[in-house]
Amino acid sequence: MTISEAQQQVDTWIKTKGVRYFTELTNLGILMEEVGELSRLLVRTYGEQSFKESDKGKELADEMGDVLWVLLCLANQTGVDLTSALQKNFEKKNTRDSDRHLDNEKLR
């Protein structure tokens, strides 16, 4: 599935099963919640914190999928073509950051 197809499928689901989009600000709050859940799981999986009972059964892929879903919703609501946005981001990184990381002693 392409990013564009994902945006379209989310839009179709929202309009047929979800009734309507939440407002942009509500979706921003939901995105922050989902990023927090992903962060919590990453910290417990790769960091020093131990798992709590409430963390059991959670999967990174599912949490990342939740983040992506809400980001796709926000893109649809605000008229952002994420394929184009990602392409422009690559261009920016290839121009601005082409040598930045290669010259970073901390990464060696």
PDB file of N, CA and C in Angstrom:
ATOM      1  N   MET A   1       0.845  -1.172   0.000  1.00  0.00           N
ATOM      2  CA  MET A   1       0.000   0.000   0.000  1.00  0.00           C
ATOM      3  C   MET A   1       0.894   1.241   0.000  1.00  0.00           C
ATOM      4  N   THR A   2       0.590   2.195  -0.844  1.00  0.00           N
ATOM      5  CA  THR A   2       1.328   3.454  -0.867  1.00  0.00           C
ATOM      6  C   THR A   2       0.797   4.376   0.231  1.00  0.00           C
ATOM      7  N   ILE A   3       1.523   5.439   0.490  1.00  0.00           N
ATOM      8  CA  ILE A   3       1.055   6.419   1.464  1.00  0.00           C
ATOM      9  C   ILE A   3      -0.248   7.044   0.978  1.00  0.00           C
ATOM     10  N   SER A   4      -0.311   7.344  -0.290  1.00  0.00           N
ATOM     11  CA  SER A   4      -1.524   7.934  -0.870  1.00  0.00           C
ATOM     12  C   SER A   4      -2.728   6.989  -0.712  1.00  0.00           C
ATOM     13  N   GLU A   5      -2.505   5.720  -0.976  1.00  0.00           N
ATOM     14  CA  GLU A   5      -3.580   4.736  -0.796  1.00  0.00           C
ATOM     15  C   GLU A   5      -4.005   4.649   0.667  1.00  0.00           C
ATOM     16  N   ALA A   6      -3.039   4.734   1.560  1.00  0.00           N
ATOM     17  CA  ALA A   6      -3.356   4.703   2.990  1.00  0.00           C
ATOM     18  C   ALA A   6      -4.208   5.911   3.368  1.00  0.00           C
ATOM     19  N   GLN A   7      -3.846   7.082   2.864  1.00  0.00           N
ATOM     20  CA  GLN A   7      -4.648   8.272   3.152  1.00  0.00           C
ATOM     21  C   GLN A   7      -6.075   8.086   2.639  1.00  0.00           C
ATOM     22  N   GLN A   8      -6.210   7.524   1.458  1.00  0.00           N
ATOM     23  CA  GLN A   8      -7.544   7.325   0.886  1.00  0.00           C
ATOM     24  C   GLN A   8      -8.342   6.288   1.681  1.00  0.00           C
ATOM     25  N   GLN A   9      -7.708   5.210   2.079  1.00  0.00           N
ATOM     26  CA  GLN A   9      -8.411   4.173   2.834  1.00  0.00           C
ATOM     27  C   GLN A   9      -8.854   4.676   4.209  1.00  0.00           C
ATOM     28  N   VAL A  10      -8.006   5.469   4.849  1.00  0.00           N
ATOM     29  CA  VAL A  10      -8.397   6.059   6.133  1.00  0.00           C
ATOM     30  C   VAL A  10      -9.596   6.979   5.920  1.00  0.00           C
ATOM     31  N   ASP A  11      -9.541   7.804   4.881  1.00  0.00           N
ATOM     32  CA  ASP A  11     -10.643   8.719   4.589  1.00  0.00           C
ATOM     33  C   ASP A  11     -11.947   7.959   4.353  1.00  0.00           C
ATOM     34  N   THR A  12     -11.871   6.899   3.575  1.00  0.00           N
ATOM     35  CA  THR A  12     -13.066   6.087   3.306  1.00  0.00           C
ATOM     36  C   THR A  12     -13.601   5.470   4.590  1.00  0.00           C
ATOM     37  N   TRP A  13     -12.723   4.939   5.429  1.00  0.00           N
ATOM     38  CA  TRP A  13     -13.161   4.320   6.687  1.00  0.00           C
ATOM     39  C   TRP A  13     -13.835   5.356   7.584  1.00  0.00           C
ATOM     40  N   ILE A  14     -13.193   6.513   7.716  1.00  0.00           N
ATOM     41  CA  ILE A  14     -13.756   7.565   8.569  1.00  0.00           C
ATOM     42  C   ILE A  14     -15.151   7.942   8.085  1.00  0.00           C
ATOM     43  N   LYS A  15     -15.314   8.105   6.793  1.00  0.00           N
ATOM     44  CA  LYS A  15     -16.586   8.579   6.243  1.00  0.00           C
ATOM     45  C   LYS A  15     -17.661   7.506   6.211  1.00  0.00           C
ATOM     46  N   THR A  16     -17.292   6.234   6.263  1.00  0.00           N
ATOM     47  CA  THR A  16     -18.302   5.166   6.217  1.00  0.00           C
ATOM     48  C   THR A  16     -18.539   4.503   7.566  1.00  0.00           C
ATOM     49  N   LYS A  17     -17.514   4.380   8.375  1.00  0.00           N
ATOM     50  CA  LYS A  17     -17.643   3.680   9.661  1.00  0.00           C
ATOM     51  C   LYS A  17     -17.450   4.606  10.857  1.00  0.00           C
ATOM     52  N   GLY A  18     -16.652   5.636  10.671  1.00  0.00           N
ATOM     53  CA  GLY A  18     -16.326   6.529  11.783  1.00  0.00           C
ATOM     54  C   GLY A  18     -17.250   7.728  11.889  1.00  0.00           C
ATOM     55  N   VAL A  19     -18.207   7.833  11.028  1.00  0.00           N
ATOM     56  CA  VAL A  19     -19.193   8.907  10.943  1.00  0.00           C
ATOM     57  C   VAL A  19     -18.556  10.200  10.410  1.00  0.00           C
ATOM     58  N   ARG A  20     -17.547  10.713  11.097  1.00  0.00           N
ATOM     59  CA  ARG A  20     -16.853  11.918  10.646  1.00  0.00           C
ATOM     60  C   ARG A  20     -15.506  11.989  11.356  1.00  0.00           C
ATOM     61  N   TYR A  21     -14.661  12.866  10.869  1.00  0.00           N
ATOM     62  CA  TYR A  21     -13.384  13.097  11.533  1.00  0.00           C
ATOM     63  C   TYR A  21     -13.632  13.825  12.859  1.00  0.00           C
ATOM     64  N   PHE A  22     -12.826  13.524  13.862  1.00  0.00           N
ATOM     65  CA  PHE A  22     -12.770  14.379  15.039  1.00  0.00           C
ATOM     66  C   PHE A  22     -12.168  15.702  14.576  1.00  0.00           C
ATOM     67  N   THR A  23     -12.294  16.749  15.356  1.00  0.00           N
ATOM     68  CA  THR A  23     -11.675  18.017  14.969  1.00  0.00           C
ATOM     69  C   THR A  23     -10.159  17.859  14.933  1.00  0.00           C
ATOM     70  N   GLU A  24      -9.511  18.781  14.249  1.00  0.00           N
ATOM     71  CA  GLU A  24      -8.062  18.737  14.138  1.00  0.00           C
ATOM     72  C   GLU A  24      -7.393  18.792  15.513  1.00  0.00           C
ATOM     73  N   LEU A  25      -7.917  19.638  16.397  1.00  0.00           N
ATOM     74  CA  LEU A  25      -7.314  19.738  17.730  1.00  0.00           C
ATOM     75  C   LEU A  25      -7.539  18.464  18.539  1.00  0.00           C
ATOM     76  N   THR A  26      -8.707  17.853  18.389  1.00  0.00           N
ATOM     77  CA  THR A  26      -8.949  16.578  19.071  1.00  0.00           C
ATOM     78  C   THR A  26      -7.987  15.529  18.543  1.00  0.00           C
ATOM     79  N   ASN A  27      -7.816  15.475  17.235  1.00  0.00           N
ATOM     80  CA  ASN A  27      -6.885  14.504  16.654  1.00  0.00           C
ATOM     81  C   ASN A  27      -5.445  14.793  17.048  1.00  0.00           C
ATOM     82  N   LEU A  28      -5.092  16.047  17.230  1.00  0.00           N
ATOM     83  CA  LEU A  28      -3.758  16.365  17.715  1.00  0.00           C
ATOM     84  C   LEU A  28      -3.566  15.787  19.116  1.00  0.00           C
ATOM     85  N   GLY A  29      -4.571  15.949  19.971  1.00  0.00           N
ATOM     86  CA  GLY A  29      -4.504  15.370  21.312  1.00  0.00           C
ATOM     87  C   GLY A  29      -4.406  13.857  21.268  1.00  0.00           C
ATOM     88  N   ILE A  30      -5.182  13.236  20.392  1.00  0.00           N
ATOM     89  CA  ILE A  30      -5.137  11.781  20.249  1.00  0.00           C
ATOM     90  C   ILE A  30      -3.761  11.347  19.752  1.00  0.00           C
ATOM     91  N   LEU A  31      -3.183  12.105  18.808  1.00  0.00           N
ATOM     92  CA  LEU A  31      -1.846  11.785  18.310  1.00  0.00           C
ATOM     93  C   LEU A  31      -0.831  11.820  19.448  1.00  0.00           C
ATOM     94  N   MET A  32      -0.921  12.831  20.287  1.00  0.00           N
ATOM     95  CA  MET A  32       0.008  12.931  21.418  1.00  0.00           C
ATOM     96  C   MET A  32      -0.178  11.747  22.374  1.00  0.00           C
ATOM     97  N   GLU A  33      -1.407  11.336  22.604  1.00  0.00           N
ATOM     98  CA  GLU A  33      -1.662  10.162  23.441  1.00  0.00           C
ATOM     99  C   GLU A  33      -1.036   8.915  22.836  1.00  0.00           C
ATOM    100  N   GLU A  34      -1.224   8.735  21.545  1.00  0.00           N
ATOM    101  CA  GLU A  34      -0.698   7.548  20.872  1.00  0.00           C
ATOM    102  C   GLU A  34       0.833   7.549  20.866  1.00  0.00           C
ATOM    103  N   VAL A  35       1.432   8.715  20.657  1.00  0.00           N
ATOM    104  CA  VAL A  35       2.896   8.812  20.716  1.00  0.00           C
ATOM    105  C   VAL A  35       3.369   8.488  22.125  1.00  0.00           C
ATOM    106  N   GLY A  36       2.630   8.928  23.127  1.00  0.00           N
ATOM    107  CA  GLY A  36       2.968   8.607  24.510  1.00  0.00           C
ATOM    108  C   GLY A  36       2.923   7.111  24.772  1.00  0.00           C
ATOM    109  N   GLU A  37       1.914   6.430  24.237  1.00  0.00           N
ATOM    110  CA  GLU A  37       1.816   4.979  24.410  1.00  0.00           C
ATOM    111  C   GLU A  37       2.977   4.277  23.722  1.00  0.00           C
ATOM    112  N   LEU A  38       3.347   4.752  22.535  1.00  0.00           N
ATOM    113  CA  LEU A  38       4.502   4.191  21.833  1.00  0.00           C
ATOM    114  C   LEU A  38       5.778   4.440  22.630  1.00  0.00           C
ATOM    115  N   SER A  39       5.926   5.639  23.138  1.00  0.00           N
ATOM    116  CA  SER A  39       7.098   5.982  23.936  1.00  0.00           C
ATOM    117  C   SER A  39       7.204   5.095  25.166  1.00  0.00           C
ATOM    118  N   ARG A  40       6.100   4.907  25.849  1.00  0.00           N
ATOM    119  CA  ARG A  40       6.088   4.073  27.058  1.00  0.00           C
ATOM    120  C   ARG A  40       6.580   2.664  26.744  1.00  0.00           C
ATOM    121  N   LEU A  41       6.094   2.104  25.646  1.00  0.00           N
ATOM    122  CA  LEU A  41       6.478   0.744  25.281  1.00  0.00           C
ATOM    123  C   LEU A  41       7.951   0.674  24.864  1.00  0.00           C
ATOM    124  N   LEU A  42       8.419   1.669  24.115  1.00  0.00           N
ATOM    125  CA  LEU A  42       9.832   1.691  23.718  1.00  0.00           C
ATOM    126  C   LEU A  42      10.745   1.833  24.926  1.00  0.00           C
ATOM    127  N   VAL A  43      10.361   2.677  25.869  1.00  0.00           N
ATOM    128  CA  VAL A  43      11.166   2.872  27.079  1.00  0.00           C
ATOM    129  C   VAL A  43      11.253   1.580  27.878  1.00  0.00           C
ATOM    130  N   ARG A  44      10.168   0.850  27.934  1.00  0.00           N
ATOM    131  CA  ARG A  44      10.161  -0.392  28.695  1.00  0.00           C
ATOM    132  C   ARG A  44      10.866  -1.528  27.940  1.00  0.00           C
ATOM    133  N   THR A  45      10.801  -1.497  26.623  1.00  0.00           N
ATOM    134  CA  THR A  45      11.437  -2.541  25.824  1.00  0.00           C
ATOM    135  C   THR A  45      12.941  -2.320  25.687  1.00  0.00           C
ATOM    136  N   TYR A  46      13.349  -1.082  25.436  1.00  0.00           N
ATOM    137  CA  TYR A  46      14.752  -0.805  25.157  1.00  0.00           C
ATOM    138  C   TYR A  46      15.443   0.040  26.240  1.00  0.00           C
ATOM    139  N   GLY A  47      14.688   0.593  27.145  1.00  0.00           N
ATOM    140  CA  GLY A  47      15.252   1.418  28.203  1.00  0.00           C
ATOM    141  C   GLY A  47      15.361   0.650  29.504  1.00  0.00           C
ATOM    142  N   GLU A  48      15.528   1.391  30.574  1.00  0.00           N
ATOM    143  CA  GLU A  48      15.770   0.782  31.876  1.00  0.00           C
ATOM    144  C   GLU A  48      14.501   0.507  32.675  1.00  0.00           C
ATOM    145  N   GLN A  49      13.376   1.068  32.263  1.00  0.00           N
ATOM    146  CA  GLN A  49      12.157   0.856  33.044  1.00  0.00           C
ATOM    147  C   GLN A  49      11.626  -0.552  32.867  1.00  0.00           C
ATOM    148  N   SER A  50      11.057  -1.070  33.938  1.00  0.00           N
ATOM    149  CA  SER A  50      10.466  -2.406  33.876  1.00  0.00           C
ATOM    150  C   SER A  50       9.009  -2.306  33.426  1.00  0.00           C
ATOM    151  N   PHE A  51       8.503  -3.419  32.917  1.00  0.00           N
ATOM    152  CA  PHE A  51       7.120  -3.476  32.472  1.00  0.00           C
ATOM    153  C   PHE A  51       6.178  -3.486  33.665  1.00  0.00           C
ATOM    154  N   LYS A  52       5.021  -2.881  33.465  1.00  0.00           N
ATOM    155  CA  LYS A  52       3.943  -2.937  34.445  1.00  0.00           C
ATOM    156  C   LYS A  52       2.896  -3.899  33.909  1.00  0.00           C
ATOM    157  N   GLU A  53       2.025  -4.322  34.761  1.00  0.00           N
ATOM    158  CA  GLU A  53       0.957  -5.244  34.364  1.00  0.00           C
ATOM    159  C   GLU A  53       0.152  -4.669  33.183  1.00  0.00           C
ATOM    160  N   SER A  54      -0.072  -3.371  33.209  1.00  0.00           N
ATOM    161  CA  SER A  54      -0.866  -2.721  32.152  1.00  0.00           C
ATOM    162  C   SER A  54      -0.140  -2.676  30.803  1.00  0.00           C
ATOM    163  N   ASP A  55       1.162  -2.959  30.798  1.00  0.00           N
ATOM    164  CA  ASP A  55       1.941  -2.944  29.554  1.00  0.00           C
ATOM    165  C   ASP A  55       1.878  -4.282  28.820  1.00  0.00           C
ATOM    166  N   LYS A  56       1.451  -5.300  29.503  1.00  0.00           N
ATOM    167  CA  LYS A  56       1.462  -6.638  28.900  1.00  0.00           C
ATOM    168  C   LYS A  56       0.512  -6.707  27.712  1.00  0.00           C
ATOM    169  N   GLY A  57       0.958  -7.418  26.688  1.00  0.00           N
ATOM    170  CA  GLY A  57       0.142  -7.604  25.495  1.00  0.00           C
ATOM    171  C   GLY A  57       0.254  -6.475  24.484  1.00  0.00           C
ATOM    172  N   LYS A  58       0.980  -5.428  24.814  1.00  0.00           N
ATOM    173  CA  LYS A  58       1.148  -4.308  23.881  1.00  0.00           C
ATOM    174  C   LYS A  58       2.270  -4.641  22.903  1.00  0.00           C
ATOM    175  N   GLU A  59       2.091  -4.237  21.661  1.00  0.00           N
ATOM    176  CA  GLU A  59       3.082  -4.515  20.622  1.00  0.00           C
ATOM    177  C   GLU A  59       3.513  -3.227  19.939  1.00  0.00           C
ATOM    178  N   LEU A  60       4.791  -3.109  19.650  1.00  0.00           N
ATOM    179  CA  LEU A  60       5.317  -1.916  18.992  1.00  0.00           C
ATOM    180  C   LEU A  60       4.610  -1.637  17.666  1.00  0.00           C
ATOM    181  N   ALA A  61       4.408  -2.669  16.861  1.00  0.00           N
ATOM    182  CA  ALA A  61       3.783  -2.475  15.556  1.00  0.00           C
ATOM    183  C   ALA A  61       2.379  -1.898  15.699  1.00  0.00           C
ATOM    184  N   ASP A  62       1.635  -2.375  16.664  1.00  0.00           N
ATOM    185  CA  ASP A  62       0.279  -1.875  16.888  1.00  0.00           C
ATOM    186  C   ASP A  62       0.311  -0.415  17.323  1.00  0.00           C
ATOM    187  N   GLU A  63       1.234  -0.081  18.231  1.00  0.00           N
ATOM    188  CA  GLU A  63       1.336   1.307  18.700  1.00  0.00           C
ATOM    189  C   GLU A  63       1.782   2.229  17.571  1.00  0.00           C
ATOM    190  N   MET A  64       2.716   1.770  16.738  1.00  0.00           N
ATOM    191  CA  MET A  64       3.145   2.578  15.591  1.00  0.00           C
ATOM    192  C   MET A  64       2.004   2.747  14.595  1.00  0.00           C
ATOM    193  N   GLY A  65       1.228   1.695  14.418  1.00  0.00           N
ATOM    194  CA  GLY A  65       0.063   1.777  13.539  1.00  0.00           C
ATOM    195  C   GLY A  65      -0.946   2.801  14.023  1.00  0.00           C
ATOM    196  N   ASP A  66      -1.147   2.874  15.346  1.00  0.00           N
ATOM    197  CA  ASP A  66      -2.059   3.875  15.911  1.00  0.00           C
ATOM    198  C   ASP A  66      -1.567   5.286  15.629  1.00  0.00           C
ATOM    199  N   VAL A  67      -0.259   5.505  15.792  1.00  0.00           N
ATOM    200  CA  VAL A  67       0.327   6.826  15.514  1.00  0.00           C
ATOM    201  C   VAL A  67       0.130   7.178  14.043  1.00  0.00           C
ATOM    202  N   LEU A  68       0.429   6.227  13.175  1.00  0.00           N
ATOM    203  CA  LEU A  68       0.303   6.465  11.735  1.00  0.00           C
ATOM    204  C   LEU A  68      -1.140   6.765  11.342  1.00  0.00           C
ATOM    205  N   TRP A  69      -2.083   6.034  11.919  1.00  0.00           N
ATOM    206  CA  TRP A  69      -3.511   6.241  11.614  1.00  0.00           C
ATOM    207  C   TRP A  69      -3.915   7.682  11.895  1.00  0.00           C
ATOM    208  N   VAL A  70      -3.578   8.174  13.066  1.00  0.00           N
ATOM    209  CA  VAL A  70      -3.994   9.523  13.441  1.00  0.00           C
ATOM    210  C   VAL A  70      -3.256  10.562  12.607  1.00  0.00           C
ATOM    211  N   LEU A  71      -1.986  10.307  12.289  1.00  0.00           N
ATOM    212  CA  LEU A  71      -1.250  11.217  11.415  1.00  0.00           C
ATOM    213  C   LEU A  71      -1.903  11.278  10.032  1.00  0.00           C
ATOM    214  N   LEU A  72      -2.337  10.135   9.522  1.00  0.00           N
ATOM    215  CA  LEU A  72      -3.042  10.107   8.233  1.00  0.00           C
ATOM    216  C   LEU A  72      -4.344  10.899   8.317  1.00  0.00           C
ATOM    217  N   CYS A  73      -5.055  10.772   9.426  1.00  0.00           N
ATOM    218  CA  CYS A  73      -6.281  11.550   9.623  1.00  0.00           C
ATOM    219  C   CYS A  73      -5.990  13.038   9.572  1.00  0.00           C
ATOM    220  N   LEU A  74      -4.981  13.469  10.312  1.00  0.00           N
ATOM    221  CA  LEU A  74      -4.630  14.890  10.339  1.00  0.00           C
ATOM    222  C   LEU A  74      -4.204  15.389   8.961  1.00  0.00           C
ATOM    223  N   ALA A  75      -3.464  14.577   8.235  1.00  0.00           N
ATOM    224  CA  ALA A  75      -3.064  14.962   6.882  1.00  0.00           C
ATOM    225  C   ALA A  75      -4.289  15.146   5.996  1.00  0.00           C
ATOM    226  N   ASN A  76      -5.213  14.209   6.077  1.00  0.00           N
ATOM    227  CA  ASN A  76      -6.438  14.319   5.279  1.00  0.00           C
ATOM    228  C   ASN A  76      -7.217  15.575   5.640  1.00  0.00           C
ATOM    229  N   GLN A  77      -7.340  15.842   6.922  1.00  0.00           N
ATOM    230  CA  GLN A  77      -8.121  16.987   7.373  1.00  0.00           C
ATOM    231  C   GLN A  77      -7.522  18.321   6.969  1.00  0.00           C
ATOM    232  N   THR A  78      -6.213  18.368   6.887  1.00  0.00           N
ATOM    233  CA  THR A  78      -5.538  19.638   6.612  1.00  0.00           C
ATOM    234  C   THR A  78      -5.067  19.759   5.168  1.00  0.00           C
ATOM    235  N   GLY A  79      -5.408  18.774   4.345  1.00  0.00           N
ATOM    236  CA  GLY A  79      -5.075  18.836   2.927  1.00  0.00           C
ATOM    237  C   GLY A  79      -3.611  18.577   2.608  1.00  0.00           C
ATOM    238  N   VAL A  80      -2.935  17.845   3.478  1.00  0.00           N
ATOM    239  CA  VAL A  80      -1.520  17.542   3.253  1.00  0.00           C
ATOM    240  C   VAL A  80      -1.387  16.210   2.515  1.00  0.00           C
ATOM    241  N   ASP A  81      -0.678  16.236   1.407  1.00  0.00           N
ATOM    242  CA  ASP A  81      -0.337  15.027   0.667  1.00  0.00           C
ATOM    243  C   ASP A  81       0.951  14.496   1.281  1.00  0.00           C
ATOM    244  N   LEU A  82       0.851  13.433   2.061  1.00  0.00           N
ATOM    245  CA  LEU A  82       2.019  12.927   2.792  1.00  0.00           C
ATOM    246  C   LEU A  82       3.098  12.361   1.880  1.00  0.00           C
ATOM    247  N   THR A  83       2.727  11.872   0.711  1.00  0.00           N
ATOM    248  CA  THR A  83       3.738  11.406  -0.242  1.00  0.00           C
ATOM    249  C   THR A  83       4.621  12.577  -0.651  1.00  0.00           C
ATOM    250  N   SER A  84       3.991  13.674  -1.036  1.00  0.00           N
ATOM    251  CA  SER A  84       4.727  14.872  -1.424  1.00  0.00           C
ATOM    252  C   SER A  84       5.522  15.432  -0.255  1.00  0.00           C
ATOM    253  N   ALA A  85       4.920  15.434   0.930  1.00  0.00           N
ATOM    254  CA  ALA A  85       5.607  15.951   2.121  1.00  0.00           C
ATOM    255  C   ALA A  85       6.862  15.137   2.427  1.00  0.00           C
ATOM    256  N   LEU A  86       6.767  13.816   2.299  1.00  0.00           N
ATOM    257  CA  LEU A  86       7.931  12.967   2.560  1.00  0.00           C
ATOM    258  C   LEU A  86       9.007  13.166   1.499  1.00  0.00           C
ATOM    259  N   GLN A  87       8.598  13.305   0.235  1.00  0.00           N
ATOM    260  CA  GLN A  87       9.569  13.557  -0.828  1.00  0.00           C
ATOM    261  C   GLN A  87      10.311  14.867  -0.585  1.00  0.00           C
ATOM    262  N   LYS A  88       9.580  15.904  -0.186  1.00  0.00           N
ATOM    263  CA  LYS A  88      10.207  17.199   0.104  1.00  0.00           C
ATOM    264  C   LYS A  88      11.140  17.083   1.308  1.00  0.00           C
ATOM    265  N   ASN A  89      10.775  16.246   2.274  1.00  0.00           N
ATOM    266  CA  ASN A  89      11.620  16.055   3.440  1.00  0.00           C
ATOM    267  C   ASN A  89      12.933  15.387   3.054  1.00  0.00           C
ATOM    268  N   PHE A  90      12.858  14.391   2.160  1.00  0.00           N
ATOM    269  CA  PHE A  90      14.084  13.764   1.659  1.00  0.00           C
ATOM    270  C   PHE A  90      14.964  14.789   0.956  1.00  0.00           C
ATOM    271  N   GLU A  91      14.353  15.633   0.127  1.00  0.00           N
ATOM    272  CA  GLU A  91      15.120  16.667  -0.576  1.00  0.00           C
ATOM    273  C   GLU A  91      15.804  17.594   0.423  1.00  0.00           C
ATOM    274  N   LYS A  92      15.077  18.001   1.446  1.00  0.00           N
ATOM    275  CA  LYS A  92      15.637  18.888   2.467  1.00  0.00           C
ATOM    276  C   LYS A  92      16.803  18.216   3.182  1.00  0.00           C
ATOM    277  N   LYS A  93      16.624  16.977   3.562  1.00  0.00           N
ATOM    278  CA  LYS A  93      17.680  16.269   4.280  1.00  0.00           C
ATOM    279  C   LYS A  93      18.896  16.027   3.382  1.00  0.00           C
ATOM    280  N   ASN A  94      18.657  15.726   2.117  1.00  0.00           N
ATOM    281  CA  ASN A  94      19.767  15.489   1.195  1.00  0.00           C
ATOM    282  C   ASN A  94      20.525  16.770   0.869  1.00  0.00           C
ATOM    283  N   THR A  95      19.881  17.907   1.016  1.00  0.00           N
ATOM    284  CA  THR A  95      20.540  19.181   0.769  1.00  0.00           C
ATOM    285  C   THR A  95      21.183  19.702   2.050  1.00  0.00           C
ATOM    286  N   ARG A  96      20.382  19.910   3.052  1.00  0.00           N
ATOM    287  CA  ARG A  96      20.849  20.515   4.302  1.00  0.00           C
ATOM    288  C   ARG A  96      21.761  19.594   5.099  1.00  0.00           C
ATOM    289  N   ASP A  97      21.431  18.309   5.125  1.00  0.00           N
ATOM    290  CA  ASP A  97      22.126  17.379   6.007  1.00  0.00           C
ATOM    291  C   ASP A  97      23.018  16.380   5.273  1.00  0.00           C
ATOM    292  N   SER A  98      23.390  16.676   4.027  1.00  0.00           N
ATOM    293  CA  SER A  98      24.115  15.679   3.234  1.00  0.00           C
ATOM    294  C   SER A  98      25.423  15.230   3.884  1.00  0.00           C
ATOM    295  N   ASP A  99      26.134  16.140   4.557  1.00  0.00           N
ATOM    296  CA  ASP A  99      27.396  15.780   5.209  1.00  0.00           C
ATOM    297  C   ASP A  99      27.337  15.885   6.729  1.00  0.00           C
ATOM    298  N   ARG A 100      26.260  16.417   7.215  1.00  0.00           N
ATOM    299  CA  ARG A 100      26.168  16.713   8.648  1.00  0.00           C
ATOM    300  C   ARG A 100      26.458  15.497   9.524  1.00  0.00           C
ATOM    301  N   HIS A 101      25.842  14.382   9.216  1.00  0.00           N
ATOM    302  CA  HIS A 101      26.005  13.195  10.057  1.00  0.00           C
ATOM    303  C   HIS A 101      27.323  12.477   9.771  1.00  0.00           C
ATOM    304  N   LEU A 102      27.789  12.565   8.535  1.00  0.00           N
ATOM    305  CA  LEU A 102      29.072  11.943   8.191  1.00  0.00           C
ATOM    306  C   LEU A 102      30.218  12.608   8.941  1.00  0.00           C
ATOM    307  N   ASP A 103      30.065  13.908   9.220  1.00  0.00           N
ATOM    308  CA  ASP A 103      31.116  14.662   9.908  1.00  0.00           C
ATOM    309  C   ASP A 103      30.943  14.672  11.431  1.00  0.00           C
ATOM    310  N   ASN A 104      29.938  13.977  11.931  1.00  0.00           N
ATOM    311  CA  ASN A 104      29.648  13.990  13.369  1.00  0.00           C
ATOM    312  C   ASN A 104      30.491  12.931  14.076  1.00  0.00           C
ATOM    313  N   GLU A 105      31.451  13.385  14.860  1.00  0.00           N
ATOM    314  CA  GLU A 105      32.338  12.472  15.595  1.00  0.00           C
ATOM    315  C   GLU A 105      31.579  11.594  16.581  1.00  0.00           C
ATOM    316  N   LYS A 106      30.473  12.078  17.074  1.00  0.00           N
ATOM    317  CA  LYS A 106      29.678  11.318  18.054  1.00  0.00           C
ATOM    318  C   LYS A 106      29.066  10.061  17.451  1.00  0.00           C
ATOM    319  N   LEU A 107      28.961  10.027  16.131  1.00  0.00           N
ATOM    320  CA  LEU A 107      28.334   8.878  15.463  1.00  0.00           C
ATOM    321  C   LEU A 107      29.345   7.825  15.030  1.00  0.00           C
ATOM    322  N   ARG A 108      30.594   8.047  15.351  1.00  0.00           N
ATOM    323  CA  ARG A 108      31.639   7.093  14.930  1.00  0.00           C
ATOM    324  C   ARG A 108      31.985   6.151  16.033  1.00  0.00           C
TER     325      ARG A 108
END
